[in-house]
Amino acid sequence: MLLSIDSIDLSHYSTDELMRLRDRVIKQLPSSTIEDLDLSQELVLRYIAAKDLLDTNADVDTPLNQIAQANNSLVAMLKELAAQQKLLYDTTRAQRLERALAAALRLHPNLEAAFYDTYEAEASALGLENT
């Protein structure tokens, strides 16, 4: 028998116990970060589900236009997630490249100061102050 969520008195638990409980709850929840999504798999699964809905439409009471509208909404969301995932990848990659460049420049102190002066001037010209 499941207890009502509101009937559980959490005030008797220690911070450590609450943190362990929180970790267990988080493990039960679906992923909430874009990094954890496999968009290729999601697109394939959406295609299979849409094709199955269309193939079995005779058995479904839902009008075909509503099924198509729901499917189009999901596809639009997946496209947006794909764009966000690409932006995240590009941003992360640029940051890693910049760190690698800085590390390489530290090996050549005679070039480092001149490079950073030019780099900051170019960034400023592009409106990217404090980069």
Protein backbone atom coordinates (compact mmCIF):
# COMPACT_ATOMS: atom_id res chain seq x y z
CA MET A 1 0.00 0.00 0.00
CA LEU A 2 1.37 3.41 -0.98
CA LEU A 3 1.27 6.27 1.46
CA SER A 4 0.07 9.68 0.46
CA ILE A 5 3.06 11.92 -0.24
CA ASP A 6 1.71 14.57 2.12
CA SER A 7 1.31 12.07 4.96
CA ILE A 8 5.06 11.36 5.16
CA ASP A 9 6.62 13.34 8.01
CA LEU A 10 10.14 14.23 6.89
CA SER A 11 10.95 16.32 9.98
CA HIS A 12 12.32 13.29 11.85
CA TYR A 13 14.98 12.53 9.27
CA SER A 14 18.55 13.79 9.52
CA THR A 15 20.06 15.88 6.76
CA ASP A 16 22.13 12.88 5.66
CA GLU A 17 19.02 10.67 5.48
CA LEU A 18 17.12 13.34 3.53
CA MET A 19 20.02 13.68 1.08
CA ARG A 20 20.08 9.90 0.55
CA LEU A 21 16.30 9.92 0.07
CA ARG A 22 16.66 12.79 -2.41
CA ASP A 23 19.24 10.79 -4.39
CA ARG A 24 16.88 7.82 -4.53
CA VAL A 25 14.01 10.02 -5.72
CA ILE A 26 16.18 11.65 -8.42
CA LYS A 27 17.18 8.19 -9.71
CA GLN A 28 13.48 7.39 -10.19
CA LEU A 29 12.76 10.57 -12.18
CA PRO A 30 13.26 10.81 -15.94
CA SER A 31 16.32 12.70 -17.11
CA SER A 32 15.93 16.44 -17.11
CA THR A 33 19.11 17.51 -18.90
CA ILE A 34 19.66 17.80 -22.62
CA GLU A 35 23.03 16.05 -22.35
CA ASP A 36 21.28 12.84 -21.34
CA LEU A 37 18.98 12.75 -24.35
CA ASP A 38 19.81 10.59 -27.34
CA LEU A 39 18.09 12.64 -30.01
CA SER A 40 18.81 10.15 -32.77
CA GLN A 41 17.04 7.45 -30.80
CA GLU A 42 14.19 9.80 -29.89
CA LEU A 43 13.65 10.68 -33.56
CA VAL A 44 13.59 7.01 -34.56
CA LEU A 45 11.18 6.16 -31.75
CA ARG A 46 8.92 9.10 -32.75
CA TYR A 47 8.96 7.89 -36.35
CA ILE A 48 8.02 4.35 -35.29
CA ALA A 49 5.23 5.64 -33.02
CA ALA A 50 3.87 7.94 -35.73
CA LYS A 51 3.98 5.20 -38.35
CA ASP A 52 2.27 2.80 -35.98
CA LEU A 53 -0.47 5.36 -35.23
CA LEU A 54 -1.04 5.92 -38.93
CA ASP A 55 -1.02 2.19 -39.70
CA THR A 56 -3.57 1.44 -36.96
CA ASN A 57 -5.70 4.55 -37.44
CA ALA A 58 -8.75 2.47 -38.33
CA ASP A 59 -8.79 1.17 -34.74
CA VAL A 60 -8.29 4.56 -33.11
CA ASP A 61 -11.14 6.87 -32.18
CA THR A 62 -8.88 9.92 -32.32
CA PRO A 63 -9.25 11.95 -35.52
CA LEU A 64 -6.26 11.71 -37.84
CA ASN A 65 -5.70 15.49 -37.80
CA GLN A 66 -5.30 15.42 -34.00
CA ILE A 67 -2.79 12.58 -34.24
CA ALA A 68 -0.86 14.48 -36.91
CA GLN A 69 -0.94 17.68 -34.84
CA ALA A 70 0.39 15.90 -31.75
CA ASN A 71 3.10 14.21 -33.80
CA ASN A 72 4.11 17.53 -35.43
CA SER A 73 4.39 19.12 -31.99
CA LEU A 74 6.70 16.36 -30.79
CA VAL A 75 8.84 16.59 -33.91
CA ALA A 76 9.12 20.37 -33.44
CA MET A 77 10.24 19.84 -29.84
CA LEU A 78 12.83 17.30 -30.95
CA LYS A 79 14.15 19.75 -33.56
CA GLU A 80 14.47 22.43 -30.88
CA LEU A 81 16.24 20.00 -28.55
CA ALA A 82 18.61 19.03 -31.36
CA ALA A 83 19.41 22.71 -31.98
CA GLN A 84 20.02 23.28 -28.27
CA GLN A 85 22.20 20.19 -28.05
CA LYS A 86 24.28 21.40 -31.01
CA LEU A 87 24.63 24.86 -29.44
CA LEU A 88 25.72 23.29 -26.16
CA TYR A 89 28.25 21.10 -28.00
CA ASP A 90 29.59 24.07 -29.99
CA THR A 91 29.86 26.25 -26.87
CA THR A 92 31.58 23.52 -24.86
CA ARG A 93 33.96 22.78 -27.71
CA ALA A 94 34.84 26.48 -28.11
CA GLN A 95 35.56 26.76 -24.39
CA ARG A 96 37.80 23.68 -24.49
CA LEU A 97 39.66 25.01 -27.54
CA GLU A 98 40.19 28.35 -25.82
CA ARG A 99 41.57 26.60 -22.71
CA ALA A 100 43.91 24.51 -24.91
CA LEU A 101 45.11 27.65 -26.68
CA ALA A 102 45.76 29.40 -23.36
CA ALA A 103 47.72 26.38 -22.10
CA ALA A 104 49.80 26.32 -25.29
CA LEU A 105 50.49 30.05 -25.04
CA ARG A 106 51.70 29.67 -21.45
CA LEU A 107 54.50 27.51 -22.88
CA HIS A 108 55.61 30.51 -24.99
CA PRO A 109 55.61 33.54 -22.69
CA ASN A 110 57.16 35.77 -25.35
CA LEU A 111 54.06 35.29 -27.53
CA GLU A 112 51.46 35.22 -24.76
CA ALA A 113 51.23 38.94 -24.00
CA ALA A 114 51.15 39.99 -27.66
CA PHE A 115 48.52 37.37 -28.44
CA TYR A 116 46.23 38.39 -25.58
CA ASP A 117 46.53 42.08 -26.46
CA THR A 118 45.47 41.32 -30.05
CA TYR A 119 42.81 38.85 -28.90
CA GLU A 120 41.23 41.34 -26.48
CA ALA A 121 41.25 44.08 -29.13
CA GLU A 122 39.53 41.80 -31.65
CA ALA A 123 37.00 40.63 -29.06
CA SER A 124 36.27 44.22 -28.10
CA ALA A 125 35.78 45.15 -31.77
CA LEU A 126 33.18 42.36 -31.99
CA GLY A 127 31.44 43.60 -28.84
CA LEU A 128 32.71 40.69 -26.73
CA GLU A 129 34.33 42.62 -23.89
CA ASN A 130 35.48 40.67 -20.83
CA THR A 131 35.88 37.40 -22.73
